[in-house]
Amino acid sequence: MSGAAGAGPGGAAGGGHWVELKPAVWETVVRACDCCGQVVPKRLWVVDVEGRERRFCGLECESLYRSYVLPKLAR
């Protein structure tokens, strides 16, 4: 991954940043959202969730991950 594109507004927990993706033409690594699984071609929303770095396609998926996925995993 490349450097940050600049800090964006705070996410569901109040922190995170956008990371601009600039893969080389020959690169075959696929980056997917940790919530919905959608392939993310241009930029990722990166945030710390319970001590682990998580990557999302946007703020909405971060919010959904925190409100729906985490409680399901805690069971």
PDB file of N, CA and C in Angstrom:
ATOM      1  N   MET A   1       0.835  -1.179   0.000  1.00  0.00           N
ATOM      2  CA  MET A   1       0.000   0.000   0.000  1.00  0.00           C
ATOM      3  C   MET A   1       0.874   1.234   0.000  1.00  0.00           C
ATOM      4  N   SER A   2       0.343   2.284  -0.540  1.00  0.00           N
ATOM      5  CA  SER A   2       1.057   3.551  -0.593  1.00  0.00           C
ATOM      6  C   SER A   2       0.748   4.382   0.635  1.00  0.00           C
ATOM      7  N   GLY A   3       1.292   5.573   0.677  1.00  0.00           N
ATOM      8  CA  GLY A   3       1.092   6.466   1.813  1.00  0.00           C
ATOM      9  C   GLY A   3      -0.331   6.963   1.908  1.00  0.00           C
ATOM     10  N   ALA A   4      -0.639   7.587   3.021  1.00  0.00           N
ATOM     11  CA  ALA A   4      -1.984   8.093   3.268  1.00  0.00           C
ATOM     12  C   ALA A   4      -2.297   9.256   2.344  1.00  0.00           C
ATOM     13  N   ALA A   5      -3.544   9.339   1.939  1.00  0.00           N
ATOM     14  CA  ALA A   5      -3.997  10.421   1.093  1.00  0.00           C
ATOM     15  C   ALA A   5      -4.372  11.628   1.924  1.00  0.00           C
ATOM     16  N   GLY A   6      -4.204  11.529   3.213  1.00  0.00           N
ATOM     17  CA  GLY A   6      -4.576  12.614   4.111  1.00  0.00           C
ATOM     18  C   GLY A   6      -5.619  12.126   5.088  1.00  0.00           C
ATOM     19  N   ALA A   7      -5.647  12.718   6.224  1.00  0.00           N
ATOM     20  CA  ALA A   7      -6.606  12.305   7.246  1.00  0.00           C
ATOM     21  C   ALA A   7      -8.001  12.725   6.845  1.00  0.00           C
ATOM     22  N   GLY A   8      -8.926  11.833   7.008  1.00  0.00           N
ATOM     23  CA  GLY A   8     -10.323  12.140   6.718  1.00  0.00           C
ATOM     24  C   GLY A   8     -11.051  12.412   8.007  1.00  0.00           C
ATOM     25  N   PRO A   9     -12.350  12.614   7.923  1.00  0.00           N
ATOM     26  CA  PRO A   9     -13.119  12.822   9.136  1.00  0.00           C
ATOM     27  C   PRO A   9     -13.129  11.558   9.975  1.00  0.00           C
ATOM     28  N   GLY A  10     -13.326  11.705  11.250  1.00  0.00           N
ATOM     29  CA  GLY A  10     -13.323  10.561  12.154  1.00  0.00           C
ATOM     30  C   GLY A  10     -14.397   9.550  11.807  1.00  0.00           C
ATOM     31  N   GLY A  11     -14.093   8.279  11.996  1.00  0.00           N
ATOM     32  CA  GLY A  11     -15.059   7.226  11.715  1.00  0.00           C
ATOM     33  C   GLY A  11     -15.968   7.006  12.903  1.00  0.00           C
ATOM     34  N   ALA A  12     -16.546   5.825  12.985  1.00  0.00           N
ATOM     35  CA  ALA A  12     -17.496   5.504  14.040  1.00  0.00           C
ATOM     36  C   ALA A  12     -16.870   5.649  15.424  1.00  0.00           C
ATOM     37  N   ALA A  13     -15.574   5.356  15.526  1.00  0.00           N
ATOM     38  CA  ALA A  13     -14.912   5.459  16.824  1.00  0.00           C
ATOM     39  C   ALA A  13     -14.083   6.724  16.937  1.00  0.00           C
ATOM     40  N   GLY A  14     -14.142   7.594  15.916  1.00  0.00           N
ATOM     41  CA  GLY A  14     -13.454   8.867  15.989  1.00  0.00           C
ATOM     42  C   GLY A  14     -12.048   8.890  15.427  1.00  0.00           C
ATOM     43  N   GLY A  15     -11.617   7.877  14.695  1.00  0.00           N
ATOM     44  CA  GLY A  15     -10.277   7.895  14.137  1.00  0.00           C
ATOM     45  C   GLY A  15     -10.136   6.984  12.952  1.00  0.00           C
ATOM     46  N   GLY A  16      -9.220   7.322  12.104  1.00  0.00           N
ATOM     47  CA  GLY A  16      -8.951   6.528  10.924  1.00  0.00           C
ATOM     48  C   GLY A  16      -8.367   7.428   9.862  1.00  0.00           C
ATOM     49  N   HIS A  17      -7.926   6.815   8.774  1.00  0.00           N
ATOM     50  CA  HIS A  17      -7.375   7.605   7.685  1.00  0.00           C
ATOM     51  C   HIS A  17      -7.574   6.877   6.365  1.00  0.00           C
ATOM     52  N   TRP A  18      -7.590   7.651   5.303  1.00  0.00           N
ATOM     53  CA  TRP A  18      -7.700   7.088   3.961  1.00  0.00           C
ATOM     54  C   TRP A  18      -6.308   6.743   3.465  1.00  0.00           C
ATOM     55  N   VAL A  19      -6.192   5.596   2.805  1.00  0.00           N
ATOM     56  CA  VAL A  19      -4.935   5.172   2.194  1.00  0.00           C
ATOM     57  C   VAL A  19      -5.188   5.035   0.700  1.00  0.00           C
ATOM     58  N   GLU A  20      -4.443   5.816  -0.066  1.00  0.00           N
ATOM     59  CA  GLU A  20      -4.548   5.783  -1.524  1.00  0.00           C
ATOM     60  C   GLU A  20      -3.797   4.552  -2.036  1.00  0.00           C
ATOM     61  N   LEU A  21      -4.445   3.757  -2.869  1.00  0.00           N
ATOM     62  CA  LEU A  21      -3.821   2.559  -3.430  1.00  0.00           C
ATOM     63  C   LEU A  21      -3.300   2.889  -4.822  1.00  0.00           C
ATOM     64  N   LYS A  22      -2.031   2.613  -5.040  1.00  0.00           N
ATOM     65  CA  LYS A  22      -1.414   2.864  -6.339  1.00  0.00           C
ATOM     66  C   LYS A  22      -0.625   1.618  -6.746  1.00  0.00           C
ATOM     67  N   PRO A  23      -1.342   0.544  -7.092  1.00  0.00           N
ATOM     68  CA  PRO A  23      -0.641  -0.693  -7.439  1.00  0.00           C
ATOM     69  C   PRO A  23       0.075  -0.569  -8.782  1.00  0.00           C
ATOM     70  N   ALA A  24       1.170  -1.296  -8.907  1.00  0.00           N
ATOM     71  CA  ALA A  24       1.880  -1.365 -10.183  1.00  0.00           C
ATOM     72  C   ALA A  24       1.014  -2.146 -11.170  1.00  0.00           C
ATOM     73  N   VAL A  25       1.252  -1.930 -12.427  1.00  0.00           N
ATOM     74  CA  VAL A  25       0.455  -2.568 -13.476  1.00  0.00           C
ATOM     75  C   VAL A  25       0.460  -4.088 -13.343  1.00  0.00           C
ATOM     76  N   TRP A  26       1.572  -4.655 -12.941  1.00  0.00           N
ATOM     77  CA  TRP A  26       1.706  -6.110 -12.862  1.00  0.00           C
ATOM     78  C   TRP A  26       1.254  -6.699 -11.525  1.00  0.00           C
ATOM     79  N   GLU A  27       0.920  -5.852 -10.563  1.00  0.00           N
ATOM     80  CA  GLU A  27       0.537  -6.325  -9.235  1.00  0.00           C
ATOM     81  C   GLU A  27      -0.815  -7.037  -9.283  1.00  0.00           C
ATOM     82  N   THR A  28      -0.888  -8.201  -8.645  1.00  0.00           N
ATOM     83  CA  THR A  28      -2.124  -8.989  -8.653  1.00  0.00           C
ATOM     84  C   THR A  28      -2.777  -9.103  -7.284  1.00  0.00           C
ATOM     85  N   VAL A  29      -2.281  -8.344  -6.314  1.00  0.00           N
ATOM     86  CA  VAL A  29      -2.846  -8.383  -4.972  1.00  0.00           C
ATOM     87  C   VAL A  29      -4.217  -7.707  -4.981  1.00  0.00           C
ATOM     88  N   VAL A  30      -5.211  -8.403  -4.440  1.00  0.00           N
ATOM     89  CA  VAL A  30      -6.564  -7.862  -4.360  1.00  0.00           C
ATOM     90  C   VAL A  30      -6.803  -7.415  -2.927  1.00  0.00           C
ATOM     91  N   ARG A  31      -7.269  -6.186  -2.765  1.00  0.00           N
ATOM     92  CA  ARG A  31      -7.570  -5.659  -1.432  1.00  0.00           C
ATOM     93  C   ARG A  31      -9.082  -5.598  -1.296  1.00  0.00           C
ATOM     94  N   ALA A  32      -9.585  -6.208  -0.249  1.00  0.00           N
ATOM     95  CA  ALA A  32     -11.033  -6.280  -0.053  1.00  0.00           C
ATOM     96  C   ALA A  32     -11.422  -5.616   1.266  1.00  0.00           C
ATOM     97  N   CYS A  33     -12.650  -5.120   1.307  1.00  0.00           N
ATOM     98  CA  CYS A  33     -13.205  -4.523   2.520  1.00  0.00           C
ATOM     99  C   CYS A  33     -13.382  -5.618   3.574  1.00  0.00           C
ATOM    100  N   ASP A  34     -12.970  -5.335   4.799  1.00  0.00           N
ATOM    101  CA  ASP A  34     -13.086  -6.313   5.888  1.00  0.00           C
ATOM    102  C   ASP A  34     -14.525  -6.525   6.350  1.00  0.00           C
ATOM    103  N   CYS A  35     -15.446  -5.703   5.869  1.00  0.00           N
ATOM    104  CA  CYS A  35     -16.851  -5.858   6.261  1.00  0.00           C
ATOM    105  C   CYS A  35     -17.657  -6.528   5.152  1.00  0.00           C
ATOM    106  N   CYS A  36     -17.695  -5.906   3.974  1.00  0.00           N
ATOM    107  CA  CYS A  36     -18.569  -6.401   2.902  1.00  0.00           C
ATOM    108  C   CYS A  36     -17.861  -7.293   1.891  1.00  0.00           C
ATOM    109  N   GLY A  37     -16.525  -7.271   1.877  1.00  0.00           N
ATOM    110  CA  GLY A  37     -15.771  -8.104   0.960  1.00  0.00           C
ATOM    111  C   GLY A  37     -15.590  -7.510  -0.422  1.00  0.00           C
ATOM    112  N   GLN A  38     -16.123  -6.334  -0.648  1.00  0.00           N
ATOM    113  CA  GLN A  38     -16.001  -5.690  -1.950  1.00  0.00           C
ATOM    114  C   GLN A  38     -14.535  -5.383  -2.246  1.00  0.00           C
ATOM    115  N   VAL A  39     -14.097  -5.617  -3.483  1.00  0.00           N
ATOM    116  CA  VAL A  39     -12.741  -5.291  -3.888  1.00  0.00           C
ATOM    117  C   VAL A  39     -12.616  -3.776  -3.937  1.00  0.00           C
ATOM    118  N   VAL A  40     -11.549  -3.256  -3.336  1.00  0.00           N
ATOM    119  CA  VAL A  40     -11.339  -1.815  -3.252  1.00  0.00           C
ATOM    120  C   VAL A  40     -10.186  -1.436  -4.187  1.00  0.00           C
ATOM    121  N   PRO A  41     -10.471  -0.741  -5.296  1.00  0.00           N
ATOM    122  CA  PRO A  41      -9.431  -0.448  -6.268  1.00  0.00           C
ATOM    123  C   PRO A  41      -8.621   0.828  -6.027  1.00  0.00           C
ATOM    124  N   LYS A  42      -9.201   1.856  -5.406  1.00  0.00           N
ATOM    125  CA  LYS A  42      -8.543   3.163  -5.335  1.00  0.00           C
ATOM    126  C   LYS A  42      -8.071   3.582  -3.942  1.00  0.00           C
ATOM    127  N   ARG A  43      -8.945   3.486  -2.936  1.00  0.00           N
ATOM    128  CA  ARG A  43      -8.545   3.915  -1.600  1.00  0.00           C
ATOM    129  C   ARG A  43      -9.297   3.142  -0.534  1.00  0.00           C
ATOM    130  N   LEU A  44      -8.604   2.932   0.582  1.00  0.00           N
ATOM    131  CA  LEU A  44      -9.147   2.190   1.720  1.00  0.00           C
ATOM    132  C   LEU A  44      -9.282   3.110   2.920  1.00  0.00           C
ATOM    133  N   TRP A  45     -10.327   2.893   3.710  1.00  0.00           N
ATOM    134  CA  TRP A  45     -10.485   3.569   4.992  1.00  0.00           C
ATOM    135  C   TRP A  45      -9.853   2.637   6.019  1.00  0.00           C
ATOM    136  N   VAL A  46      -8.757   3.045   6.641  1.00  0.00           N
ATOM    137  CA  VAL A  46      -8.005   2.211   7.571  1.00  0.00           C
ATOM    138  C   VAL A  46      -8.209   2.737   8.978  1.00  0.00           C
ATOM    139  N   VAL A  47      -8.580   1.828   9.891  1.00  0.00           N
ATOM    140  CA  VAL A  47      -8.876   2.220  11.270  1.00  0.00           C
ATOM    141  C   VAL A  47      -8.504   1.073  12.208  1.00  0.00           C
ATOM    142  N   ASP A  48      -8.171   1.416  13.440  1.00  0.00           N
ATOM    143  CA  ASP A  48      -7.863   0.424  14.459  1.00  0.00           C
ATOM    144  C   ASP A  48      -9.173  -0.020  15.123  1.00  0.00           C
ATOM    145  N   VAL A  49      -9.433  -1.319  15.093  1.00  0.00           N
ATOM    146  CA  VAL A  49     -10.626  -1.880  15.732  1.00  0.00           C
ATOM    147  C   VAL A  49     -10.153  -2.948  16.710  1.00  0.00           C
ATOM    148  N   GLU A  50     -10.336  -2.677  17.978  1.00  0.00           N
ATOM    149  CA  GLU A  50      -9.943  -3.598  19.047  1.00  0.00           C
ATOM    150  C   GLU A  50      -8.495  -4.062  18.912  1.00  0.00           C
ATOM    151  N   GLY A  51      -7.599  -3.120  18.632  1.00  0.00           N
ATOM    152  CA  GLY A  51      -6.179  -3.433  18.566  1.00  0.00           C
ATOM    153  C   GLY A  51      -5.682  -3.999  17.255  1.00  0.00           C
ATOM    154  N   ARG A  52      -6.551  -4.125  16.262  1.00  0.00           N
ATOM    155  CA  ARG A  52      -6.142  -4.662  14.959  1.00  0.00           C
ATOM    156  C   ARG A  52      -6.486  -3.659  13.866  1.00  0.00           C
ATOM    157  N   GLU A  53      -5.603  -3.532  12.898  1.00  0.00           N
ATOM    158  CA  GLU A  53      -5.877  -2.655  11.771  1.00  0.00           C
ATOM    159  C   GLU A  53      -6.912  -3.313  10.860  1.00  0.00           C
ATOM    160  N   ARG A  54      -7.967  -2.589  10.570  1.00  0.00           N
ATOM    161  CA  ARG A  54      -9.020  -3.070   9.675  1.00  0.00           C
ATOM    162  C   ARG A  54      -9.133  -2.116   8.501  1.00  0.00           C
ATOM    163  N   ARG A  55      -9.453  -2.668   7.330  1.00  0.00           N
ATOM    164  CA  ARG A  55      -9.563  -1.871   6.106  1.00  0.00           C
ATOM    165  C   ARG A  55     -10.979  -1.994   5.561  1.00  0.00           C
ATOM    166  N   PHE A  56     -11.550  -0.844   5.249  1.00  0.00           N
ATOM    167  CA  PHE A  56     -12.931  -0.803   4.772  1.00  0.00           C
ATOM    168  C   PHE A  56     -13.025  -0.005   3.483  1.00  0.00           C
ATOM    169  N   CYS A  57     -14.105  -0.225   2.734  1.00  0.00           N
ATOM    170  CA  CYS A  57     -14.321   0.540   1.510  1.00  0.00           C
ATOM    171  C   CYS A  57     -14.831   1.941   1.819  1.00  0.00           C
ATOM    172  N   GLY A  58     -15.343   2.159   3.018  1.00  0.00           N
ATOM    173  CA  GLY A  58     -15.813   3.487   3.399  1.00  0.00           C
ATOM    174  C   GLY A  58     -16.247   3.538   4.855  1.00  0.00           C
ATOM    175  N   LEU A  59     -16.665   4.705   5.266  1.00  0.00           N
ATOM    176  CA  LEU A  59     -17.091   4.914   6.647  1.00  0.00           C
ATOM    177  C   LEU A  59     -18.333   4.101   7.004  1.00  0.00           C
ATOM    178  N   GLU A  60     -19.198   3.888   6.030  1.00  0.00           N
ATOM    179  CA  GLU A  60     -20.426   3.130   6.287  1.00  0.00           C
ATOM    180  C   GLU A  60     -20.112   1.685   6.668  1.00  0.00           C
ATOM    181  N   CYS A  61     -19.136   1.093   5.992  1.00  0.00           N
ATOM    182  CA  CYS A  61     -18.772  -0.290   6.320  1.00  0.00           C
ATOM    183  C   CYS A  61     -18.086  -0.380   7.675  1.00  0.00           C
ATOM    184  N   GLU A  62     -17.307   0.642   8.049  1.00  0.00           N
ATOM    185  CA  GLU A  62     -16.720   0.643   9.390  1.00  0.00           C
ATOM    186  C   GLU A  62     -17.829   0.659  10.439  1.00  0.00           C
ATOM    187  N   SER A  63     -18.810   1.512  10.241  1.00  0.00           N
ATOM    188  CA  SER A  63     -19.925   1.620  11.181  1.00  0.00           C
ATOM    189  C   SER A  63     -20.699   0.301  11.268  1.00  0.00           C
ATOM    190  N   LEU A  64     -20.970  -0.312  10.121  1.00  0.00           N
ATOM    191  CA  LEU A  64     -21.677  -1.594  10.092  1.00  0.00           C
ATOM    192  C   LEU A  64     -20.858  -2.678  10.784  1.00  0.00           C
ATOM    193  N   TYR A  65     -19.558  -2.684  10.562  1.00  0.00           N
ATOM    194  CA  TYR A  65     -18.684  -3.668  11.188  1.00  0.00           C
ATOM    195  C   TYR A  65     -18.737  -3.545  12.711  1.00  0.00           C
ATOM    196  N   ARG A  66     -18.672  -2.314  13.209  1.00  0.00           N
ATOM    197  CA  ARG A  66     -18.695  -2.095  14.658  1.00  0.00           C
ATOM    198  C   ARG A  66     -20.062  -2.405  15.275  1.00  0.00           C
ATOM    199  N   SER A  67     -21.140  -2.070  14.561  1.00  0.00           N
ATOM    200  CA  SER A  67     -22.477  -2.237  15.139  1.00  0.00           C
ATOM    201  C   SER A  67     -23.072  -3.631  14.917  1.00  0.00           C
ATOM    202  N   TYR A  68     -22.631  -4.348  13.890  1.00  0.00           N
ATOM    203  CA  TYR A  68     -23.252  -5.639  13.580  1.00  0.00           C
ATOM    204  C   TYR A  68     -22.266  -6.812  13.657  1.00  0.00           C
ATOM    205  N   VAL A  69     -21.127  -6.690  12.968  1.00  0.00           N
ATOM    206  CA  VAL A  69     -20.196  -7.818  12.885  1.00  0.00           C
ATOM    207  C   VAL A  69     -19.528  -8.102  14.225  1.00  0.00           C
ATOM    208  N   LEU A  70     -18.987  -7.086  14.882  1.00  0.00           N
ATOM    209  CA  LEU A  70     -18.312  -7.324  16.170  1.00  0.00           C
ATOM    210  C   LEU A  70     -19.217  -7.967  17.217  1.00  0.00           C
ATOM    211  N   PRO A  71     -20.461  -7.488  17.386  1.00  0.00           N
ATOM    212  CA  PRO A  71     -21.322  -8.178  18.358  1.00  0.00           C
ATOM    213  C   PRO A  71     -21.592  -9.646  17.991  1.00  0.00           C
ATOM    214  N   LYS A  72     -21.686  -9.942  16.690  1.00  0.00           N
ATOM    215  CA  LYS A  72     -21.905 -11.336  16.265  1.00  0.00           C
ATOM    216  C   LYS A  72     -20.671 -12.183  16.564  1.00  0.00           C
ATOM    217  N   LEU A  73     -19.473 -11.619  16.380  1.00  0.00           N
ATOM    218  CA  LEU A  73     -18.246 -12.364  16.661  1.00  0.00           C
ATOM    219  C   LEU A  73     -18.048 -12.590  18.158  1.00  0.00           C
ATOM    220  N   ALA A  74     -18.591 -11.705  18.977  1.00  0.00           N
ATOM    221  CA  ALA A  74     -18.418 -11.794  20.427  1.00  0.00           C
ATOM    222  C   ALA A  74     -19.248 -12.928  21.045  1.00  0.00           C
ATOM    223  N   ARG A  75     -20.210 -13.428  20.336  1.00  0.00           N
ATOM    224  CA  ARG A  75     -21.065 -14.496  20.869  1.00  0.00           C
ATOM    225  C   ARG A  75     -20.341 -15.781  21.038  1.00  0.00           C
TER     226      ARG A  75
END
